[in-house]
Amino acid sequence: MVKSSLEVHKKAEQAMREAVYKVVKEHRKTGIPLAIWKNGKVVRVPAKKIKLN
């Protein structure tokens, strides 16, 4: 059985969401800011300002 590219895409997206959630949670625990890309520059953001769904 060959999985459709849509199924693979959905699984990859879910895995990415879970990974980001874990990283933000860990940064909140340690107090280390996250580095994100914003307006063409790298910006450090306090983990508490990142929304988790």
N, C-alpha and C. Protein backbone atom coordinates (compact mmCIF):
# COMPACT_ATOMS: atom_id res chain seq x y z
N MET A 1 0.85 -1.19 0.00
CA MET A 1 0.00 0.00 0.00
C MET A 1 0.89 1.25 0.00
N VAL A 2 0.68 2.12 -0.95
CA VAL A 2 1.44 3.36 -1.07
C VAL A 2 0.62 4.49 -0.46
N LYS A 3 1.24 5.23 0.47
CA LYS A 3 0.54 6.34 1.10
C LYS A 3 0.51 7.53 0.15
N SER A 4 -0.60 8.23 0.17
CA SER A 4 -0.70 9.41 -0.68
C SER A 4 0.19 10.51 -0.13
N SER A 5 0.57 11.43 -0.97
CA SER A 5 1.42 12.52 -0.52
C SER A 5 0.69 13.40 0.50
N LEU A 6 -0.64 13.45 0.43
CA LEU A 6 -1.41 14.22 1.40
C LEU A 6 -1.29 13.60 2.79
N GLU A 7 -1.36 12.28 2.88
CA GLU A 7 -1.21 11.60 4.16
C GLU A 7 0.17 11.86 4.75
N VAL A 8 1.19 11.77 3.93
CA VAL A 8 2.56 12.02 4.38
C VAL A 8 2.69 13.47 4.83
N HIS A 9 2.12 14.38 4.07
CA HIS A 9 2.16 15.80 4.41
C HIS A 9 1.51 16.04 5.78
N LYS A 10 0.35 15.46 6.02
CA LYS A 10 -0.35 15.64 7.29
C LYS A 10 0.46 15.09 8.46
N LYS A 11 1.08 13.94 8.26
CA LYS A 11 1.90 13.35 9.32
C LYS A 11 3.14 14.20 9.59
N ALA A 12 3.75 14.71 8.54
CA ALA A 12 4.94 15.56 8.70
C ALA A 12 4.57 16.85 9.42
N GLU A 13 3.45 17.43 9.06
CA GLU A 13 3.00 18.67 9.71
C GLU A 13 2.71 18.43 11.19
N GLN A 14 2.06 17.33 11.50
CA GLN A 14 1.77 17.00 12.91
C GLN A 14 3.05 16.78 13.69
N ALA A 15 4.01 16.10 13.10
CA ALA A 15 5.30 15.86 13.77
C ALA A 15 6.01 17.19 14.04
N MET A 16 5.96 18.11 13.10
CA MET A 16 6.59 19.42 13.27
C MET A 16 5.90 20.21 14.39
N ARG A 17 4.57 20.17 14.42
CA ARG A 17 3.84 20.87 15.48
C ARG A 17 4.22 20.33 16.86
N GLU A 18 4.32 19.01 16.97
CA GLU A 18 4.68 18.39 18.24
C GLU A 18 6.11 18.77 18.65
N ALA A 19 7.00 18.81 17.69
CA ALA A 19 8.40 19.16 17.98
C ALA A 19 8.49 20.61 18.46
N VAL A 20 7.80 21.51 17.79
CA VAL A 20 7.81 22.93 18.17
C VAL A 20 7.21 23.10 19.57
N TYR A 21 6.13 22.41 19.84
CA TYR A 21 5.48 22.46 21.14
C TYR A 21 6.47 22.06 22.25
N LYS A 22 7.18 20.97 22.02
CA LYS A 22 8.15 20.48 23.01
C LYS A 22 9.28 21.48 23.22
N VAL A 23 9.76 22.08 22.14
CA VAL A 23 10.87 23.05 22.23
C VAL A 23 10.41 24.28 23.01
N VAL A 24 9.24 24.81 22.69
CA VAL A 24 8.75 26.00 23.39
C VAL A 24 8.54 25.69 24.86
N LYS A 25 7.99 24.53 25.16
CA LYS A 25 7.77 24.13 26.55
C LYS A 25 9.09 24.06 27.32
N GLU A 26 10.10 23.49 26.71
CA GLU A 26 11.41 23.37 27.35
C GLU A 26 12.04 24.75 27.57
N HIS A 27 11.90 25.63 26.58
CA HIS A 27 12.45 26.98 26.71
C HIS A 27 11.71 27.76 27.80
N ARG A 28 10.43 27.54 27.94
CA ARG A 28 9.68 28.18 29.02
C ARG A 28 10.20 27.72 30.37
N LYS A 29 10.46 26.43 30.46
CA LYS A 29 10.94 25.85 31.71
C LYS A 29 12.32 26.42 32.09
N THR A 30 13.19 26.58 31.12
CA THR A 30 14.56 27.01 31.38
C THR A 30 14.73 28.53 31.32
N GLY A 31 13.75 29.23 30.75
CA GLY A 31 13.83 30.68 30.65
C GLY A 31 14.70 31.16 29.49
N ILE A 32 15.08 30.26 28.60
CA ILE A 32 15.91 30.63 27.46
C ILE A 32 15.02 31.16 26.33
N PRO A 33 15.33 32.35 25.79
CA PRO A 33 14.52 32.88 24.68
C PRO A 33 14.68 32.03 23.42
N LEU A 34 13.69 32.11 22.57
CA LEU A 34 13.72 31.40 21.28
C LEU A 34 14.20 32.35 20.19
N ALA A 35 14.97 31.82 19.27
CA ALA A 35 15.41 32.61 18.12
C ALA A 35 14.44 32.31 16.97
N ILE A 36 13.82 33.36 16.44
CA ILE A 36 12.88 33.20 15.33
C ILE A 36 13.28 34.14 14.20
N TRP A 37 12.76 33.89 13.02
CA TRP A 37 12.99 34.72 11.85
C TRP A 37 11.81 35.67 11.73
N LYS A 38 12.06 37.00 11.75
CA LYS A 38 10.99 37.98 11.66
C LYS A 38 11.45 39.15 10.81
N ASN A 39 10.71 39.44 9.78
CA ASN A 39 11.02 40.57 8.89
C ASN A 39 12.46 40.53 8.37
N GLY A 40 12.90 39.34 8.00
CA GLY A 40 14.21 39.19 7.39
C GLY A 40 15.38 39.19 8.36
N LYS A 41 15.08 39.13 9.65
CA LYS A 41 16.14 39.14 10.66
C LYS A 41 15.87 38.07 11.73
N VAL A 42 16.93 37.65 12.40
CA VAL A 42 16.79 36.75 13.53
C VAL A 42 16.50 37.58 14.76
N VAL A 43 15.45 37.20 15.49
CA VAL A 43 15.03 37.93 16.68
C VAL A 43 14.90 36.94 17.83
N ARG A 44 15.34 37.35 19.01
CA ARG A 44 15.17 36.51 20.21
C ARG A 44 13.89 36.92 20.91
N VAL A 45 13.02 35.94 21.19
CA VAL A 45 11.73 36.18 21.79
C VAL A 45 11.62 35.37 23.07
N PRO A 46 11.18 35.99 24.17
CA PRO A 46 10.97 35.21 25.39
C PRO A 46 9.95 34.10 25.13
N ALA A 47 10.24 32.91 25.60
CA ALA A 47 9.38 31.75 25.32
C ALA A 47 7.95 31.97 25.83
N LYS A 48 7.80 32.78 26.88
CA LYS A 48 6.47 33.02 27.43
C LYS A 48 5.58 33.80 26.46
N LYS A 49 6.18 34.48 25.50
CA LYS A 49 5.40 35.26 24.53
C LYS A 49 4.94 34.41 23.34
N ILE A 50 5.42 33.19 23.24
CA ILE A 50 5.01 32.28 22.16
C ILE A 50 3.74 31.56 22.57
N LYS A 51 2.71 31.64 21.73
CA LYS A 51 1.43 30.99 22.03
C LYS A 51 1.52 29.49 21.74
N LEU A 52 1.04 28.69 22.67
CA LEU A 52 0.93 27.25 22.46
C LEU A 52 -0.55 26.91 22.31
N ASN A 53 -0.86 26.10 21.33
CA ASN A 53 -2.27 25.69 21.11
C ASN A 53 -2.52 24.34 21.70
